[in-house]
Amino acid sequence: MNELTIVLPTWNAGFVLSQTIDSIYAQTNDDFKVIIIDDNSTDSTRDILEEIDDDRFYIKYLDKRAGAGNARNIGNSLANTKLISVLDAGDILYNDKVDESINYFKNNQDIDIMCAATDSLAGGDPIIPRVFKGEHGEKLGFEHPGVTYKKKVTNEIKYRTTSLETDQYDAFFFEAGRAGFKFGVYEKPLSSKCTFDKYTGGRDLDKALLVKANIYREFGVKIPDWLEYHEKQFKQGDNLWQKKMKL
């Protein structure tokens, strides 16, 4: 019986999507499901997805782009397994991702949301997840979305759909923390993640990070120095990420 579903929203990520799908096929444990939500892509995405011939995969094509948050909500609602793993187009799962995630929850039954460390495709040290705390000291969530969570979390908490530039995962985890769901950290990398330097997903990253800063304020979480600096520069008319992508 399947215990885990990988939910993958994608939009105009055709040039990196195949490497993500290949990493799913390479899992040592093949007892899982995959739900891919295509957010009305206009590139080669559909051609790539139509080549998949595997009963574990379910693909849904949306008629109108509504953002990654909406796509994640649809994928989460369609999943019927105990666990759901979050994945972004362009990310590469290590071949023990499914096994390690399932075993983690078997060994930590009180945990509702697990965030594993991730490597960056740009190189450097692994990203070790930190659990943020709210103004009253409550644990609220993670700083990036390399996560697996129990299906029951998605029955109560939804991704926001107010921005096309970001799935607003910060708000998802902060709301989960306020609702009392328990977080756990797995310090071994289980995937390599695309960084903004390598892949933007077609989004306006300057706008996405402004949304992020406002979410931190809303939940009373201290804004990281790098994000505060970015927001200040953007408001002065200096679009840092747009410049970086043109280098």
Protein backbone atom coordinates (compact mmCIF):
# COMPACT_ATOMS: atom_id res chain seq x y z
CA MET A 1 0.00 0.00 0.00
CA ASN A 2 1.35 3.44 -0.93
CA GLU A 3 2.35 5.56 2.05
CA LEU A 4 3.62 8.68 0.30
CA THR A 5 2.61 10.97 -2.55
CA ILE A 6 4.96 13.41 -4.26
CA VAL A 7 3.10 16.58 -5.25
CA LEU A 8 4.81 18.54 -8.02
CA PRO A 9 3.38 21.81 -9.38
CA THR A 10 5.02 23.04 -12.56
CA TRP A 11 4.76 26.04 -14.85
CA ASN A 12 6.98 26.67 -17.88
CA ALA A 13 9.76 24.55 -16.42
CA GLY A 14 10.29 22.34 -19.44
CA PHE A 15 14.04 22.89 -19.56
CA VAL A 16 14.55 21.49 -16.04
CA LEU A 17 11.53 19.21 -15.59
CA SER A 18 13.07 16.04 -17.05
CA GLN A 19 15.86 15.95 -14.46
CA THR A 20 13.25 16.12 -11.70
CA ILE A 21 11.19 13.30 -13.17
CA ASP A 22 14.33 11.18 -13.68
CA SER A 23 15.18 11.59 -9.99
CA ILE A 24 11.69 10.36 -9.07
CA TYR A 25 12.18 7.24 -11.22
CA ALA A 26 15.53 6.59 -9.49
CA GLN A 27 14.03 6.06 -6.02
CA THR A 28 15.12 2.86 -4.24
CA ASN A 29 11.57 2.50 -2.89
CA ASP A 30 9.08 2.51 -5.75
CA ASP A 31 5.95 2.24 -3.59
CA PHE A 32 4.74 5.83 -3.93
CA LYS A 33 2.46 8.00 -6.02
CA VAL A 34 3.14 11.21 -7.96
CA ILE A 35 0.67 13.99 -8.67
CA ILE A 36 1.84 16.62 -11.17
CA ILE A 37 -0.21 19.79 -11.60
CA ASP A 38 0.64 21.70 -14.77
CA ASP A 39 -0.33 25.33 -14.19
CA ASN A 40 -1.18 26.02 -17.85
CA SER A 41 2.38 25.92 -19.16
CA THR A 42 3.09 27.34 -22.61
CA ASP A 43 6.51 25.74 -23.19
CA SER A 44 7.59 22.11 -23.70
CA THR A 45 6.16 20.94 -20.36
CA ARG A 46 3.15 19.15 -21.81
CA ASP A 47 5.28 17.25 -24.33
CA ILE A 48 7.50 15.99 -21.49
CA LEU A 49 4.58 15.00 -19.27
CA GLU A 50 2.79 13.16 -22.09
CA GLU A 51 5.80 10.86 -22.43
CA ILE A 52 5.26 9.49 -18.90
CA ASP A 53 3.84 5.97 -18.99
CA ASP A 54 3.69 4.94 -15.35
CA ASP A 55 0.61 4.05 -13.32
CA ARG A 56 2.06 5.76 -10.25
CA PHE A 57 1.76 9.15 -11.96
CA TYR A 58 -1.39 11.26 -12.17
CA ILE A 59 -1.15 14.44 -14.23
CA LYS A 60 -3.67 17.27 -14.18
CA TYR A 61 -3.56 20.13 -16.68
CA LEU A 62 -5.11 23.42 -15.57
CA ASP A 63 -6.89 25.60 -18.13
CA LYS A 64 -5.74 28.84 -16.53
CA ARG A 65 -2.61 29.73 -14.60
CA ALA A 66 -3.45 30.38 -10.94
CA GLY A 67 -0.07 30.06 -9.24
CA ALA A 68 1.90 27.41 -7.38
CA GLY A 69 -0.15 27.79 -4.20
CA ASN A 70 -3.32 26.83 -6.03
CA ALA A 71 -1.54 23.94 -7.76
CA ARG A 72 -0.22 22.62 -4.44
CA ASN A 73 -3.69 22.79 -2.90
CA ILE A 74 -5.12 20.80 -5.80
CA GLY A 75 -2.35 18.21 -5.54
CA ASN A 76 -2.75 17.91 -1.78
CA SER A 77 -6.50 17.44 -2.11
CA LEU A 78 -6.03 14.66 -4.68
CA ALA A 79 -3.47 12.79 -2.56
CA ASN A 80 -4.89 9.86 -0.60
CA THR A 81 -1.77 8.70 1.21
CA LYS A 82 -0.70 9.35 4.79
CA LEU A 83 2.33 11.41 3.72
CA ILE A 84 2.88 14.12 1.10
CA SER A 85 6.30 15.27 -0.10
CA VAL A 86 6.71 18.75 -1.57
CA LEU A 87 8.72 19.03 -4.77
CA ASP A 88 9.51 21.86 -7.18
CA ALA A 89 10.31 21.51 -10.87
CA GLY A 90 14.08 21.49 -11.30
CA ASP A 91 14.79 19.89 -7.93
CA ILE A 92 16.60 16.56 -7.81
CA LEU A 93 15.58 13.94 -5.28
CA TYR A 94 18.31 11.67 -3.93
CA ASN A 95 17.43 8.03 -4.45
CA ASP A 96 16.69 7.42 -0.76
CA LYS A 97 14.28 10.38 -0.40
CA VAL A 98 11.11 8.28 -0.27
CA ASP A 99 12.57 5.60 1.99
CA GLU A 100 14.10 8.06 4.43
CA SER A 101 10.97 10.19 4.60
CA ILE A 102 8.70 7.23 5.34
CA ASN A 103 11.10 5.84 7.94
CA TYR A 104 11.40 9.23 9.63
CA PHE A 105 7.69 9.39 10.34
CA LYS A 106 7.62 5.77 11.51
CA ASN A 107 10.34 6.61 14.03
CA ASN A 108 8.90 10.02 15.01
CA GLN A 109 5.17 9.50 15.18
CA ASP A 110 4.53 12.75 17.07
CA ILE A 111 5.93 14.86 14.19
CA ASP A 112 3.50 16.25 11.61
CA ILE A 113 5.88 18.16 9.31
CA MET A 114 9.48 17.17 8.57
CA CYS A 115 11.99 19.39 6.80
CA ALA A 116 15.16 17.77 5.51
CA ALA A 117 18.39 19.55 4.71
CA THR A 118 18.95 20.27 1.03
CA ASP A 119 21.96 20.71 -1.17
CA SER A 120 22.10 23.55 -3.66
CA LEU A 121 22.63 22.86 -7.34
CA ALA A 122 24.82 25.97 -7.28
CA GLY A 123 27.19 24.25 -4.82
CA GLY A 124 28.29 25.21 -1.32
CA ASP A 125 27.30 23.81 2.07
CA PRO A 126 23.94 22.06 2.58
CA ILE A 127 21.04 24.23 3.70
CA ILE A 128 20.09 23.13 7.21
CA PRO A 129 16.48 24.03 8.04
CA ARG A 130 15.73 26.33 10.95
CA VAL A 131 12.48 26.43 12.85
CA PHE A 132 11.27 30.01 13.27
CA LYS A 133 9.55 31.26 16.38
CA GLY A 134 6.71 33.75 16.67
CA GLU A 135 6.46 36.73 18.97
CA HIS A 136 5.30 34.50 21.85
CA GLY A 137 8.02 31.87 21.32
CA GLU A 138 5.81 29.37 19.51
CA LYS A 139 7.38 27.23 16.79
CA LEU A 140 5.97 28.37 13.47
CA GLY A 141 7.71 26.83 10.49
CA PHE A 142 10.65 26.42 8.17
CA GLU A 143 12.56 28.84 6.00
CA HIS A 144 12.34 26.78 2.82
CA PRO A 145 10.00 24.12 1.45
CA GLY A 146 12.09 20.90 1.38
CA VAL A 147 9.42 19.10 3.35
CA THR A 148 7.25 16.06 3.86
CA TYR A 149 4.07 16.40 5.91
CA LYS A 150 1.16 14.29 7.01
CA LYS A 151 -1.93 14.46 4.86
CA LYS A 152 -3.94 15.64 7.87
CA VAL A 153 -2.02 18.93 7.86
CA THR A 154 -3.39 19.76 4.40
CA ASN A 155 -6.95 19.04 5.54
CA GLU A 156 -6.67 22.07 7.82
CA ILE A 157 -3.98 24.32 6.31
CA LYS A 158 -4.02 25.58 2.71
CA TYR A 159 -1.46 27.42 0.62
CA ARG A 160 -2.43 30.99 -0.13
CA THR A 161 -3.39 31.78 -3.71
CA THR A 162 -3.02 35.56 -3.72
CA SER A 163 0.28 35.68 -5.64
CA LEU A 164 1.39 34.18 -8.94
CA GLU A 165 5.04 34.78 -8.02
CA THR A 166 5.21 32.49 -4.95
CA ASP A 167 3.27 29.69 -3.28
CA GLN A 168 3.69 31.59 0.02
CA TYR A 169 4.94 28.47 1.75
CA ASP A 170 6.08 30.59 4.71
CA ALA A 171 2.45 31.40 5.54
CA PHE A 172 1.50 27.72 5.14
CA PHE A 173 4.05 26.63 7.74
CA PHE A 174 3.47 29.58 10.06
CA GLU A 175 -0.25 28.83 10.08
CA ALA A 176 0.49 25.15 10.71
CA GLY A 177 2.63 26.11 13.68
CA ARG A 178 -0.08 28.30 15.13
CA ALA A 179 -2.54 25.43 14.70
CA GLY A 180 -0.33 23.21 16.87
CA PHE A 181 1.22 20.91 14.28
CA LYS A 182 4.67 19.69 15.33
CA PHE A 183 7.83 20.19 13.29
CA GLY A 184 10.91 18.00 12.96
CA VAL A 185 14.29 18.55 11.30
CA TYR A 186 16.20 15.90 9.34
CA GLU A 187 19.76 17.16 8.94
CA LYS A 188 20.82 14.85 6.12
CA PRO A 189 20.21 16.26 2.62
CA LEU A 190 17.60 14.29 0.71
CA SER A 191 17.60 16.45 -2.42
CA SER A 192 19.38 19.13 -4.38
CA LYS A 193 17.41 22.30 -4.88
CA CYS A 194 17.45 24.78 -7.72
CA THR A 195 18.50 28.18 -6.46
CA PHE A 196 17.30 31.54 -7.75
CA ASP A 197 20.65 31.87 -9.51
CA LYS A 198 19.86 28.80 -11.62
CA TYR A 199 16.12 28.87 -12.17
CA THR A 200 13.40 31.45 -11.48
CA GLY A 201 10.44 29.38 -12.60
CA GLY A 202 9.35 32.33 -14.73
CA ARG A 203 8.51 34.33 -11.62
CA ASP A 204 9.31 37.92 -10.68
CA LEU A 205 11.58 37.15 -7.74
CA ASP A 206 11.70 40.73 -6.52
CA LYS A 207 7.93 40.71 -6.07
CA ALA A 208 8.04 37.23 -4.56
CA LEU A 209 10.47 38.31 -1.86
CA LEU A 210 8.38 41.35 -1.00
CA VAL A 211 5.44 39.01 -0.42
CA LYS A 212 7.72 36.92 1.79
CA ALA A 213 8.75 39.92 3.91
CA ASN A 214 5.12 40.88 4.49
CA ILE A 215 4.28 37.34 5.63
CA TYR A 216 7.06 37.52 8.23
CA ARG A 217 5.59 40.75 9.56
CA GLU A 218 2.07 39.33 9.64
CA PHE A 219 3.14 36.45 11.87
CA GLY A 220 5.52 38.44 14.05
CA VAL A 221 8.61 36.57 12.81
CA LYS A 222 11.89 38.49 12.64
CA ILE A 223 12.77 39.28 9.03
CA PRO A 224 16.22 37.90 8.12
CA ASP A 225 18.85 40.55 7.43
CA TRP A 226 19.27 39.50 3.79
CA LEU A 227 15.55 39.86 3.14
CA GLU A 228 15.33 43.19 4.91
CA TYR A 229 18.22 44.48 2.78
CA HIS A 230 16.56 43.23 -0.42
CA GLU A 231 13.27 44.90 0.47
CA LYS A 232 14.99 48.21 1.19
CA GLN A 233 16.87 48.15 -2.11
CA PHE A 234 13.75 47.21 -4.05
CA LYS A 235 11.77 50.09 -2.57
CA GLN A 236 14.56 52.42 -3.68
CA GLY A 237 14.13 51.15 -7.25
CA ASP A 238 17.01 48.67 -7.29
CA ASN A 239 15.68 45.27 -8.48
CA LEU A 240 18.44 43.02 -7.18
CA TRP A 241 17.28 39.67 -8.57
CA GLN A 242 16.50 41.07 -12.01
CA LYS A 243 20.03 42.42 -12.20
CA LYS A 244 21.48 39.12 -10.97
CA MET A 245 19.64 37.09 -13.59
CA LYS A 246 21.08 39.28 -16.36
CA LEU A 247 24.68 38.76 -15.28
